[in-house]
Amino acid sequence: MKNKAKYLVWMASLILFLGCQPKTNTALIDALKKQVEADSKALSNLESKAFTQLERDFYACDSLLQYLHPEEVEEVFPQLQLTGAYIEQFKLVAPTMKAEMDSTLIRLDQLKADAESHYFSDSLVTIYINDETQEVTKLGNQVTYFTDRFSNCQKELDQLKKKK
């Protein structure tokens, strides 16, 4: 929830930036770049900490199923299936997210250079900035999605570990 509020505030400030357009193209590109870098760092932290812990706890809890009573298994199994699905989804999507973040940073650097050299008109730069803003928002939403899912799944697994 905290991340969603952060993105709403960030998007509101971005919209205000766009409204005060003339000389802010490079500042806006810098803000987008800063957001991608923050999301990239959050993704790395998510991967190295939350994902690693969640995966470890998932396999530990999965092996606990054989020691539970049948009614407990029926209660716990759907949550474990969901957690396993999020783990597999993250394994598939994380490399693509990293690659998209890297290419977005490259595009933003190039766009900034083009804007500063006046290679493109201000209106064309604005169009490119809007496109990049959508990409940055999408990437940030993906990081938030996995952060929220992993947090919720971890809470569920922690509850299951207490039943041991």
Foldseek 3Di string as FASTA:
>chain_A
DVLVVVVVVVVVVLVVDVVVDDPCLLVLLVSLLVLLVVLLVLLVCCVVPLLVVLVVLLVVLVVCLVVDDPVVCVVQVVLSVVSVVLSVVCVVCVVVLNVLSVVLNVVSVVLSVCVVVVVDPSVVSSVVSVVSVVSSSVSSVVSVVSVVVSVVSVVSSVVSVVVD
